[in-house]
Amino acid sequence: MRDFNNVWEEILRHNKKTIKTLTRKKPNQIIDITPDGDIIVTTEDGTDTVKKAWVEQAWNTLVENTIIVDDDLPAPARHRSSFIMALLSKLDGVQAKQAIRLKKDKR
């Protein structure tokens, strides 16, 4: 699997593009990717920042587990999980499917 530096180059090609969330198809416009790697995203709710480190952690989790769900994202990134998942789904070799996680029975 590709390392994150190669993945980041692919992500940079999505700058100034709109990425729709996977379930609700809500548009997320990438208005800029800063030199530090912050992805500035505008939605109908306003403008927000997605950190490169969040995307990198999500990618590494996907590579390690071959599947990722929003709970796998770092806590600060979870409020942007729909965008991060949609962004990852745009990468070569990634398929978006519904992931189901089994919860531990508390008996």
PDB file of N, CA and C in Angstrom:
ATOM      1  N   MET A   1       0.849  -1.180   0.000  1.00  0.00           N
ATOM      2  CA  MET A   1       0.000   0.000   0.000  1.00  0.00           C
ATOM      3  C   MET A   1       0.892   1.240   0.000  1.00  0.00           C
ATOM      4  N   ARG A   2       0.402   2.284  -0.601  1.00  0.00           N
ATOM      5  CA  ARG A   2       1.175   3.525  -0.710  1.00  0.00           C
ATOM      6  C   ARG A   2       1.412   4.175   0.644  1.00  0.00           C
ATOM      7  N   ASP A   3       2.553   4.847   0.761  1.00  0.00           N
ATOM      8  CA  ASP A   3       2.784   5.585   1.997  1.00  0.00           C
ATOM      9  C   ASP A   3       2.038   6.918   1.927  1.00  0.00           C
ATOM     10  N   PHE A   4       1.939   7.573   3.066  1.00  0.00           N
ATOM     11  CA  PHE A   4       1.097   8.759   3.138  1.00  0.00           C
ATOM     12  C   PHE A   4       1.606   9.907   2.279  1.00  0.00           C
ATOM     13  N   ASN A   5       2.905  10.014   2.061  1.00  0.00           N
ATOM     14  CA  ASN A   5       3.411  11.103   1.213  1.00  0.00           C
ATOM     15  C   ASN A   5       2.833  11.012  -0.197  1.00  0.00           C
ATOM     16  N   ASN A   6       2.731   9.810  -0.732  1.00  0.00           N
ATOM     17  CA  ASN A   6       2.118   9.635  -2.055  1.00  0.00           C
ATOM     18  C   ASN A   6       0.624   9.934  -2.014  1.00  0.00           C
ATOM     19  N   VAL A   7      -0.014   9.515  -0.943  1.00  0.00           N
ATOM     20  CA  VAL A   7      -1.443   9.780  -0.771  1.00  0.00           C
ATOM     21  C   VAL A   7      -1.682  11.285  -0.680  1.00  0.00           C
ATOM     22  N   TRP A   8      -0.827  11.984   0.054  1.00  0.00           N
ATOM     23  CA  TRP A   8      -0.998  13.430   0.216  1.00  0.00           C
ATOM     24  C   TRP A   8      -0.908  14.142  -1.128  1.00  0.00           C
ATOM     25  N   GLU A   9      -0.016  13.697  -1.986  1.00  0.00           N
ATOM     26  CA  GLU A   9       0.083  14.290  -3.327  1.00  0.00           C
ATOM     27  C   GLU A   9      -1.234  14.137  -4.082  1.00  0.00           C
ATOM     28  N   GLU A  10      -1.876  12.992  -3.925  1.00  0.00           N
ATOM     29  CA  GLU A  10      -3.178  12.781  -4.563  1.00  0.00           C
ATOM     30  C   GLU A  10      -4.241  13.685  -3.938  1.00  0.00           C
ATOM     31  N   ILE A  11      -4.199  13.837  -2.627  1.00  0.00           N
ATOM     32  CA  ILE A  11      -5.156  14.709  -1.943  1.00  0.00           C
ATOM     33  C   ILE A  11      -5.001  16.154  -2.411  1.00  0.00           C
ATOM     34  N   LEU A  12      -3.779  16.596  -2.603  1.00  0.00           N
ATOM     35  CA  LEU A  12      -3.543  17.972  -3.051  1.00  0.00           C
ATOM     36  C   LEU A  12      -4.228  18.261  -4.385  1.00  0.00           C
ATOM     37  N   ARG A  13      -4.422  17.256  -5.201  1.00  0.00           N
ATOM     38  CA  ARG A  13      -5.106  17.448  -6.489  1.00  0.00           C
ATOM     39  C   ARG A  13      -6.605  17.726  -6.317  1.00  0.00           C
ATOM     40  N   HIS A  14      -7.117  17.536  -5.105  1.00  0.00           N
ATOM     41  CA  HIS A  14      -8.532  17.817  -4.830  1.00  0.00           C
ATOM     42  C   HIS A  14      -8.745  19.244  -4.322  1.00  0.00           C
ATOM     43  N   ASN A  15      -7.664  20.016  -4.206  1.00  0.00           N
ATOM     44  CA  ASN A  15      -7.796  21.405  -3.763  1.00  0.00           C
ATOM     45  C   ASN A  15      -8.728  22.158  -4.709  1.00  0.00           C
ATOM     46  N   LYS A  16      -9.581  22.977  -4.130  1.00  0.00           N
ATOM     47  CA  LYS A  16     -10.558  23.797  -4.864  1.00  0.00           C
ATOM     48  C   LYS A  16     -11.695  22.963  -5.459  1.00  0.00           C
ATOM     49  N   LYS A  17     -11.845  21.723  -5.022  1.00  0.00           N
ATOM     50  CA  LYS A  17     -12.922  20.869  -5.527  1.00  0.00           C
ATOM     51  C   LYS A  17     -13.961  20.630  -4.433  1.00  0.00           C
ATOM     52  N   THR A  18     -15.122  20.180  -4.856  1.00  0.00           N
ATOM     53  CA  THR A  18     -16.194  19.835  -3.931  1.00  0.00           C
ATOM     54  C   THR A  18     -16.238  18.325  -3.767  1.00  0.00           C
ATOM     55  N   ILE A  19     -16.296  17.900  -2.520  1.00  0.00           N
ATOM     56  CA  ILE A  19     -16.410  16.478  -2.195  1.00  0.00           C
ATOM     57  C   ILE A  19     -17.704  16.302  -1.416  1.00  0.00           C
ATOM     58  N   LYS A  20     -18.551  15.410  -1.892  1.00  0.00           N
ATOM     59  CA  LYS A  20     -19.830  15.167  -1.217  1.00  0.00           C
ATOM     60  C   LYS A  20     -19.676  14.038  -0.202  1.00  0.00           C
ATOM     61  N   THR A  21     -20.337  14.214   0.944  1.00  0.00           N
ATOM     62  CA  THR A  21     -20.292  13.168   1.960  1.00  0.00           C
ATOM     63  C   THR A  21     -20.941  11.902   1.410  1.00  0.00           C
ATOM     64  N   LEU A  22     -20.543  10.772   1.957  1.00  0.00           N
ATOM     65  CA  LEU A  22     -20.949   9.487   1.395  1.00  0.00           C
ATOM     66  C   LEU A  22     -22.427   9.177   1.598  1.00  0.00           C
ATOM     67  N   THR A  23     -22.957   9.488   2.752  1.00  0.00           N
ATOM     68  CA  THR A  23     -24.339   9.117   3.049  1.00  0.00           C
ATOM     69  C   THR A  23     -25.329  10.193   2.642  1.00  0.00           C
ATOM     70  N   ARG A  24     -25.109  11.391   3.108  1.00  0.00           N
ATOM     71  CA  ARG A  24     -26.080  12.468   2.874  1.00  0.00           C
ATOM     72  C   ARG A  24     -25.787  13.303   1.635  1.00  0.00           C
ATOM     73  N   LYS A  25     -24.655  13.052   1.002  1.00  0.00           N
ATOM     74  CA  LYS A  25     -24.269  13.762  -0.235  1.00  0.00           C
ATOM     75  C   LYS A  25     -24.175  15.276  -0.029  1.00  0.00           C
ATOM     76  N   LYS A  26     -23.783  15.695   1.172  1.00  0.00           N
ATOM     77  CA  LYS A  26     -23.639  17.126   1.445  1.00  0.00           C
ATOM     78  C   LYS A  26     -22.318  17.626   0.871  1.00  0.00           C
ATOM     79  N   PRO A  27     -22.356  18.757   0.160  1.00  0.00           N
ATOM     80  CA  PRO A  27     -21.131  19.274  -0.458  1.00  0.00           C
ATOM     81  C   PRO A  27     -20.175  19.884   0.563  1.00  0.00           C
ATOM     82  N   ASN A  28     -18.914  19.549   0.413  1.00  0.00           N
ATOM     83  CA  ASN A  28     -17.819  20.116   1.189  1.00  0.00           C
ATOM     84  C   ASN A  28     -16.829  20.689   0.184  1.00  0.00           C
ATOM     85  N   GLN A  29     -16.746  22.000   0.119  1.00  0.00           N
ATOM     86  CA  GLN A  29     -15.854  22.663  -0.827  1.00  0.00           C
ATOM     87  C   GLN A  29     -14.493  22.851  -0.169  1.00  0.00           C
ATOM     88  N   ILE A  30     -13.458  22.268  -0.769  1.00  0.00           N
ATOM     89  CA  ILE A  30     -12.098  22.518  -0.288  1.00  0.00           C
ATOM     90  C   ILE A  30     -11.687  23.863  -0.875  1.00  0.00           C
ATOM     91  N   ILE A  31     -11.596  24.869  -0.012  1.00  0.00           N
ATOM     92  CA  ILE A  31     -11.259  26.195  -0.524  1.00  0.00           C
ATOM     93  C   ILE A  31      -9.759  26.448  -0.520  1.00  0.00           C
ATOM     94  N   ASP A  32      -9.021  25.681   0.294  1.00  0.00           N
ATOM     95  CA  ASP A  32      -7.570  25.823   0.288  1.00  0.00           C
ATOM     96  C   ASP A  32      -6.942  24.673   1.061  1.00  0.00           C
ATOM     97  N   ILE A  33      -5.716  24.352   0.685  1.00  0.00           N
ATOM     98  CA  ILE A  33      -4.868  23.466   1.475  1.00  0.00           C
ATOM     99  C   ILE A  33      -3.603  24.268   1.741  1.00  0.00           C
ATOM    100  N   THR A  34      -3.380  24.589   3.003  1.00  0.00           N
ATOM    101  CA  THR A  34      -2.279  25.473   3.370  1.00  0.00           C
ATOM    102  C   THR A  34      -0.938  24.742   3.257  1.00  0.00           C
ATOM    103  N   PRO A  35       0.168  25.487   3.222  1.00  0.00           N
ATOM    104  CA  PRO A  35       1.495  24.849   3.189  1.00  0.00           C
ATOM    105  C   PRO A  35       1.739  23.924   4.384  1.00  0.00           C
ATOM    106  N   ASP A  36       1.089  24.197   5.519  1.00  0.00           N
ATOM    107  CA  ASP A  36       1.225  23.333   6.696  1.00  0.00           C
ATOM    108  C   ASP A  36       0.337  22.098   6.621  1.00  0.00           C
ATOM    109  N   GLY A  37      -0.530  22.038   5.613  1.00  0.00           N
ATOM    110  CA  GLY A  37      -1.375  20.868   5.435  1.00  0.00           C
ATOM    111  C   GLY A  37      -2.771  20.987   5.992  1.00  0.00           C
ATOM    112  N   ASP A  38      -3.143  22.157   6.487  1.00  0.00           N
ATOM    113  CA  ASP A  38      -4.524  22.333   6.919  1.00  0.00           C
ATOM    114  C   ASP A  38      -5.423  22.380   5.688  1.00  0.00           C
ATOM    115  N   ILE A  39      -6.499  21.614   5.733  1.00  0.00           N
ATOM    116  CA  ILE A  39      -7.477  21.617   4.645  1.00  0.00           C
ATOM    117  C   ILE A  39      -8.631  22.500   5.107  1.00  0.00           C
ATOM    118  N   ILE A  40      -8.851  23.594   4.400  1.00  0.00           N
ATOM    119  CA  ILE A  40      -9.913  24.532   4.751  1.00  0.00           C
ATOM    120  C   ILE A  40     -11.147  24.142   3.938  1.00  0.00           C
ATOM    121  N   VAL A  41     -12.222  23.810   4.649  1.00  0.00           N
ATOM    122  CA  VAL A  41     -13.432  23.275   4.031  1.00  0.00           C
ATOM    123  C   VAL A  41     -14.619  24.170   4.367  1.00  0.00           C
ATOM    124  N   THR A  42     -15.421  24.459   3.353  1.00  0.00           N
ATOM    125  CA  THR A  42     -16.654  25.213   3.560  1.00  0.00           C
ATOM    126  C   THR A  42     -17.836  24.308   3.269  1.00  0.00           C
ATOM    127  N   THR A  43     -18.820  24.356   4.182  1.00  0.00           N
ATOM    128  CA  THR A  43     -20.073  23.623   4.010  1.00  0.00           C
ATOM    129  C   THR A  43     -21.218  24.607   4.207  1.00  0.00           C
ATOM    130  N   GLU A  44     -22.429  24.107   4.139  1.00  0.00           N
ATOM    131  CA  GLU A  44     -23.583  24.982   4.382  1.00  0.00           C
ATOM    132  C   GLU A  44     -23.601  25.486   5.824  1.00  0.00           C
ATOM    133  N   ASP A  45     -22.839  24.829   6.705  1.00  0.00           N
ATOM    134  CA  ASP A  45     -22.781  25.235   8.112  1.00  0.00           C
ATOM    135  C   ASP A  45     -21.650  26.211   8.417  1.00  0.00           C
ATOM    136  N   GLY A  46     -20.774  26.467   7.447  1.00  0.00           N
ATOM    137  CA  GLY A  46     -19.672  27.393   7.677  1.00  0.00           C
ATOM    138  C   GLY A  46     -18.342  26.819   7.213  1.00  0.00           C
ATOM    139  N   THR A  47     -17.265  27.423   7.703  1.00  0.00           N
ATOM    140  CA  THR A  47     -15.913  27.036   7.315  1.00  0.00           C
ATOM    141  C   THR A  47     -15.221  26.370   8.493  1.00  0.00           C
ATOM    142  N   ASP A  48     -14.457  25.329   8.189  1.00  0.00           N
ATOM    143  CA  ASP A  48     -13.773  24.579   9.232  1.00  0.00           C
ATOM    144  C   ASP A  48     -12.415  24.122   8.709  1.00  0.00           C
ATOM    145  N   THR A  49     -11.562  23.706   9.622  1.00  0.00           N
ATOM    146  CA  THR A  49     -10.227  23.233   9.280  1.00  0.00           C
ATOM    147  C   THR A  49     -10.109  21.751   9.594  1.00  0.00           C
ATOM    148  N   VAL A  50      -9.563  21.007   8.641  1.00  0.00           N
ATOM    149  CA  VAL A  50      -9.262  19.590   8.829  1.00  0.00           C
ATOM    150  C   VAL A  50      -7.741  19.473   8.810  1.00  0.00           C
ATOM    151  N   LYS A  51      -7.183  18.950   9.866  1.00  0.00           N
ATOM    152  CA  LYS A  51      -5.734  18.845  10.000  1.00  0.00           C
ATOM    153  C   LYS A  51      -5.180  17.692   9.156  1.00  0.00           C
ATOM    154  N   LYS A  52      -4.036  17.934   8.561  1.00  0.00           N
ATOM    155  CA  LYS A  52      -3.348  16.894   7.794  1.00  0.00           C
ATOM    156  C   LYS A  52      -3.100  15.666   8.671  1.00  0.00           C
ATOM    157  N   ALA A  53      -2.748  15.885   9.930  1.00  0.00           N
ATOM    158  CA  ALA A  53      -2.467  14.771  10.844  1.00  0.00           C
ATOM    159  C   ALA A  53      -3.687  13.867  11.017  1.00  0.00           C
ATOM    160  N   TRP A  54      -4.894  14.451  11.003  1.00  0.00           N
ATOM    161  CA  TRP A  54      -6.107  13.643  11.122  1.00  0.00           C
ATOM    162  C   TRP A  54      -6.267  12.732   9.911  1.00  0.00           C
ATOM    163  N   VAL A  55      -6.017  13.302   8.737  1.00  0.00           N
ATOM    164  CA  VAL A  55      -6.143  12.529   7.499  1.00  0.00           C
ATOM    165  C   VAL A  55      -5.068  11.443   7.466  1.00  0.00           C
ATOM    166  N   GLU A  56      -3.867  11.790   7.903  1.00  0.00           N
ATOM    167  CA  GLU A  56      -2.782  10.808   7.923  1.00  0.00           C
ATOM    168  C   GLU A  56      -3.101   9.658   8.875  1.00  0.00           C
ATOM    169  N   GLN A  57      -3.618   9.974  10.048  1.00  0.00           N
ATOM    170  CA  GLN A  57      -3.977   8.917  10.993  1.00  0.00           C
ATOM    171  C   GLN A  57      -5.083   8.036  10.419  1.00  0.00           C
ATOM    172  N   ALA A  58      -6.058   8.655   9.764  1.00  0.00           N
ATOM    173  CA  ALA A  58      -7.133   7.878   9.145  1.00  0.00           C
ATOM    174  C   ALA A  58      -6.570   6.958   8.066  1.00  0.00           C
ATOM    175  N   TRP A  59      -5.665   7.480   7.240  1.00  0.00           N
ATOM    176  CA  TRP A  59      -5.051   6.664   6.188  1.00  0.00           C
ATOM    177  C   TRP A  59      -4.277   5.494   6.794  1.00  0.00           C
ATOM    178  N   ASN A  60      -3.472   5.771   7.810  1.00  0.00           N
ATOM    179  CA  ASN A  60      -2.678   4.711   8.429  1.00  0.00           C
ATOM    180  C   ASN A  60      -3.562   3.639   9.057  1.00  0.00           C
ATOM    181  N   THR A  61      -4.676   4.049   9.648  1.00  0.00           N
ATOM    182  CA  THR A  61      -5.626   3.084  10.204  1.00  0.00           C
ATOM    183  C   THR A  61      -6.234   2.237   9.095  1.00  0.00           C
ATOM    184  N   LEU A  62      -6.584   2.875   7.996  1.00  0.00           N
ATOM    185  CA  LEU A  62      -7.147   2.149   6.861  1.00  0.00           C
ATOM    186  C   LEU A  62      -6.149   1.133   6.312  1.00  0.00           C
ATOM    187  N   VAL A  63      -4.898   1.538   6.181  1.00  0.00           N
ATOM    188  CA  VAL A  63      -3.864   0.626   5.678  1.00  0.00           C
ATOM    189  C   VAL A  63      -3.677  -0.550   6.637  1.00  0.00           C
ATOM    190  N   GLU A  64      -3.637  -0.251   7.924  1.00  0.00           N
ATOM    191  CA  GLU A  64      -3.390  -1.295   8.925  1.00  0.00           C
ATOM    192  C   GLU A  64      -4.556  -2.273   9.045  1.00  0.00           C
ATOM    193  N   ASN A  65      -5.786  -1.755   9.015  1.00  0.00           N
ATOM    194  CA  ASN A  65      -6.965  -2.587   9.275  1.00  0.00           C
ATOM    195  C   ASN A  65      -7.744  -2.972   8.022  1.00  0.00           C
ATOM    196  N   THR A  66      -7.440  -2.349   6.900  1.00  0.00           N
ATOM    197  CA  THR A  66      -8.153  -2.479   5.622  1.00  0.00           C
ATOM    198  C   THR A  66      -9.598  -1.990   5.685  1.00  0.00           C
ATOM    199  N   ILE A  67      -9.981  -1.425   6.815  1.00  0.00           N
ATOM    200  CA  ILE A  67     -11.315  -0.849   6.979  1.00  0.00           C
ATOM    201  C   ILE A  67     -11.203   0.273   8.009  1.00  0.00           C
ATOM    202  N   ILE A  68     -12.063   1.264   7.876  1.00  0.00           N
ATOM    203  CA  ILE A  68     -12.074   2.351   8.853  1.00  0.00           C
ATOM    204  C   ILE A  68     -13.509   2.821   9.052  1.00  0.00           C
ATOM    205  N   VAL A  69     -13.841   3.129  10.287  1.00  0.00           N
ATOM    206  CA  VAL A  69     -15.129   3.741  10.622  1.00  0.00           C
ATOM    207  C   VAL A  69     -14.833   5.023  11.385  1.00  0.00           C
ATOM    208  N   ASP A  70     -15.837   5.873  11.520  1.00  0.00           N
ATOM    209  CA  ASP A  70     -15.580   7.183  12.125  1.00  0.00           C
ATOM    210  C   ASP A  70     -15.038   7.102  13.548  1.00  0.00           C
ATOM    211  N   ASP A  71     -15.370   6.055  14.283  1.00  0.00           N
ATOM    212  CA  ASP A  71     -14.835   5.902  15.641  1.00  0.00           C
ATOM    213  C   ASP A  71     -13.322   5.698  15.653  1.00  0.00           C
ATOM    214  N   ASP A  72     -12.748   5.320  14.510  1.00  0.00           N
ATOM    215  CA  ASP A  72     -11.303   5.120  14.420  1.00  0.00           C
ATOM    216  C   ASP A  72     -10.536   6.433  14.302  1.00  0.00           C
ATOM    217  N   LEU A  73     -11.240   7.516  14.032  1.00  0.00           N
ATOM    218  CA  LEU A  73     -10.581   8.811  13.878  1.00  0.00           C
ATOM    219  C   LEU A  73     -10.206   9.375  15.244  1.00  0.00           C
ATOM    220  N   PRO A  74      -9.154  10.214  15.286  1.00  0.00           N
ATOM    221  CA  PRO A  74      -8.823  10.848  16.566  1.00  0.00           C
ATOM    222  C   PRO A  74      -9.990  11.717  17.029  1.00  0.00           C
ATOM    223  N   ALA A  75     -10.178  11.812  18.326  1.00  0.00           N
ATOM    224  CA  ALA A  75     -11.334  12.525  18.881  1.00  0.00           C
ATOM    225  C   ALA A  75     -11.554  13.912  18.271  1.00  0.00           C
ATOM    226  N   PRO A  76     -10.519  14.751  18.127  1.00  0.00           N
ATOM    227  CA  PRO A  76     -10.779  16.086  17.564  1.00  0.00           C
ATOM    228  C   PRO A  76     -11.270  16.049  16.114  1.00  0.00           C
ATOM    229  N   ALA A  77     -11.005  14.963  15.412  1.00  0.00           N
ATOM    230  CA  ALA A  77     -11.373  14.868  13.997  1.00  0.00           C
ATOM    231  C   ALA A  77     -12.780  14.338  13.781  1.00  0.00           C
ATOM    232  N   ARG A  78     -13.387  13.797  14.796  1.00  0.00           N
ATOM    233  CA  ARG A  78     -14.677  13.122  14.600  1.00  0.00           C
ATOM    234  C   ARG A  78     -15.782  14.055  14.135  1.00  0.00           C
ATOM    235  N   HIS A  79     -15.692  15.343  14.472  1.00  0.00           N
ATOM    236  CA  HIS A  79     -16.732  16.265  14.001  1.00  0.00           C
ATOM    237  C   HIS A  79     -16.609  16.522  12.503  1.00  0.00           C
ATOM    238  N   ARG A  80     -15.506  16.100  11.882  1.00  0.00           N
ATOM    239  CA  ARG A  80     -15.315  16.220  10.430  1.00  0.00           C
ATOM    240  C   ARG A  80     -15.184  14.839   9.784  1.00  0.00           C
ATOM    241  N   SER A  81     -15.687  13.814  10.475  1.00  0.00           N
ATOM    242  CA  SER A  81     -15.514  12.437  10.002  1.00  0.00           C
ATOM    243  C   SER A  81     -16.163  12.195   8.644  1.00  0.00           C
ATOM    244  N   SER A  82     -17.315  12.786   8.392  1.00  0.00           N
ATOM    245  CA  SER A  82     -17.985  12.569   7.104  1.00  0.00           C
ATOM    246  C   SER A  82     -17.122  13.075   5.954  1.00  0.00           C
ATOM    247  N   PHE A  83     -16.501  14.230   6.151  1.00  0.00           N
ATOM    248  CA  PHE A  83     -15.616  14.765   5.115  1.00  0.00           C
ATOM    249  C   PHE A  83     -14.377  13.890   4.950  1.00  0.00           C
ATOM    250  N   ILE A  84     -13.752  13.504   6.052  1.00  0.00           N
ATOM    251  CA  ILE A  84     -12.524  12.705   5.972  1.00  0.00           C
ATOM    252  C   ILE A  84     -12.801  11.376   5.274  1.00  0.00           C
ATOM    253  N   MET A  85     -13.907  10.732   5.614  1.00  0.00           N
ATOM    254  CA  MET A  85     -14.257   9.468   4.960  1.00  0.00           C
ATOM    255  C   MET A  85     -14.517   9.681   3.467  1.00  0.00           C
ATOM    256  N   ALA A  86     -15.206  10.757   3.130  1.00  0.00           N
ATOM    257  CA  ALA A  86     -15.476  11.050   1.717  1.00  0.00           C
ATOM    258  C   ALA A  86     -14.181  11.343   0.971  1.00  0.00           C
ATOM    259  N   LEU A  87     -13.271  12.069   1.615  1.00  0.00           N
ATOM    260  CA  LEU A  87     -11.979  12.372   0.991  1.00  0.00           C
ATOM    261  C   LEU A  87     -11.194  11.090   0.742  1.00  0.00           C
ATOM    262  N   LEU A  88     -11.129  10.218   1.738  1.00  0.00           N
ATOM    263  CA  LEU A  88     -10.418   8.949   1.562  1.00  0.00           C
ATOM    264  C   LEU A  88     -11.031   8.120   0.439  1.00  0.00           C
ATOM    265  N   SER A  89     -12.347   8.192   0.301  1.00  0.00           N
ATOM    266  CA  SER A  89     -13.018   7.391  -0.730  1.00  0.00           C
ATOM    267  C   SER A  89     -12.645   7.837  -2.139  1.00  0.00           C
ATOM    268  N   LYS A  90     -12.114   9.046  -2.278  1.00  0.00           N
ATOM    269  CA  LYS A  90     -11.707   9.566  -3.587  1.00  0.00           C
ATOM    270  C   LYS A  90     -10.324   9.073  -4.008  1.00  0.00           C
ATOM    271  N   LEU A  91      -9.607   8.433  -3.100  1.00  0.00           N
ATOM    272  CA  LEU A  91      -8.248   7.999  -3.390  1.00  0.00           C
ATOM    273  C   LEU A  91      -8.240   6.706  -4.194  1.00  0.00           C
ATOM    274  N   ASP A  92      -7.242   6.591  -5.057  1.00  0.00           N
ATOM    275  CA  ASP A  92      -7.092   5.375  -5.847  1.00  0.00           C
ATOM    276  C   ASP A  92      -6.972   4.164  -4.927  1.00  0.00           C
ATOM    277  N   GLY A  93      -7.718   3.123  -5.246  1.00  0.00           N
ATOM    278  CA  GLY A  93      -7.635   1.882  -4.492  1.00  0.00           C
ATOM    279  C   GLY A  93      -8.514   1.818  -3.261  1.00  0.00           C
ATOM    280  N   VAL A  94      -9.310   2.860  -3.006  1.00  0.00           N
ATOM    281  CA  VAL A  94     -10.180   2.878  -1.827  1.00  0.00           C
ATOM    282  C   VAL A  94     -11.624   2.746  -2.284  1.00  0.00           C
ATOM    283  N   GLN A  95     -12.363   1.862  -1.639  1.00  0.00           N
ATOM    284  CA  GLN A  95     -13.786   1.695  -1.921  1.00  0.00           C
ATOM    285  C   GLN A  95     -14.580   2.108  -0.701  1.00  0.00           C
ATOM    286  N   ALA A  96     -15.661   2.809  -0.931  1.00  0.00           N
ATOM    287  CA  ALA A  96     -16.534   3.211   0.171  1.00  0.00           C
ATOM    288  C   ALA A  96     -17.639   2.181   0.318  1.00  0.00           C
ATOM    289  N   LYS A  97     -17.647   1.530   1.458  1.00  0.00           N
ATOM    290  CA  LYS A  97     -18.707   0.589   1.805  1.00  0.00           C
ATOM    291  C   LYS A  97     -19.112   0.873   3.237  1.00  0.00           C
ATOM    292  N   GLN A  98     -20.306   0.483   3.585  1.00  0.00           N
ATOM    293  CA  GLN A  98     -20.741   0.683   4.964  1.00  0.00           C
ATOM    294  C   GLN A  98     -19.982  -0.282   5.861  1.00  0.00           C
ATOM    295  N   ALA A  99     -19.349   0.257   6.886  1.00  0.00           N
ATOM    296  CA  ALA A  99     -18.626  -0.576   7.844  1.00  0.00           C
ATOM    297  C   ALA A  99     -19.506  -0.808   9.055  1.00  0.00           C
ATOM    298  N   ILE A 100     -19.512  -2.021   9.532  1.00  0.00           N
ATOM    299  CA  ILE A 100     -20.299  -2.368  10.710  1.00  0.00           C
ATOM    300  C   ILE A 100     -19.335  -2.853  11.774  1.00  0.00           C
ATOM    301  N   ARG A 101     -19.474  -2.314  12.952  1.00  0.00           N
ATOM    302  CA  ARG A 101     -18.612  -2.700  14.054  1.00  0.00           C
ATOM    303  C   ARG A 101     -19.453  -3.423  15.100  1.00  0.00           C
ATOM    304  N   LEU A 102     -18.975  -4.570  15.545  1.00  0.00           N
ATOM    305  CA  LEU A 102     -19.652  -5.347  16.568  1.00  0.00           C
ATOM    306  C   LEU A 102     -19.347  -4.747  17.930  1.00  0.00           C
ATOM    307  N   LYS A 103     -20.392  -4.446  18.705  1.00  0.00           N
ATOM    308  CA  LYS A 103     -20.197  -3.906  20.049  1.00  0.00           C
ATOM    309  C   LYS A 103     -20.091  -5.049  21.036  1.00  0.00           C
ATOM    310  N   LYS A 104     -19.267  -4.844  22.037  1.00  0.00           N
ATOM    311  CA  LYS A 104     -19.070  -5.861  23.060  1.00  0.00           C
ATOM    312  C   LYS A 104     -20.328  -6.003  23.906  1.00  0.00           C
ATOM    313  N   ASP A 105     -20.760  -7.231  24.110  1.00  0.00           N
ATOM    314  CA  ASP A 105     -21.932  -7.510  24.923  1.00  0.00           C
ATOM    315  C   ASP A 105     -21.576  -7.294  26.392  1.00  0.00           C
ATOM    316  N   LYS A 106     -22.409  -6.551  27.127  1.00  0.00           N
ATOM    317  CA  LYS A 106     -22.110  -6.222  28.531  1.00  0.00           C
ATOM    318  C   LYS A 106     -22.801  -7.170  29.504  1.00  0.00           C
ATOM    319  N   ARG A 107     -22.953  -8.407  29.165  1.00  0.00           N
ATOM    320  CA  ARG A 107     -23.593  -9.377  30.074  1.00  0.00           C
ATOM    321  C   ARG A 107     -22.675  -9.799  31.164  1.00  0.00           C
TER     322      ARG A 107
END
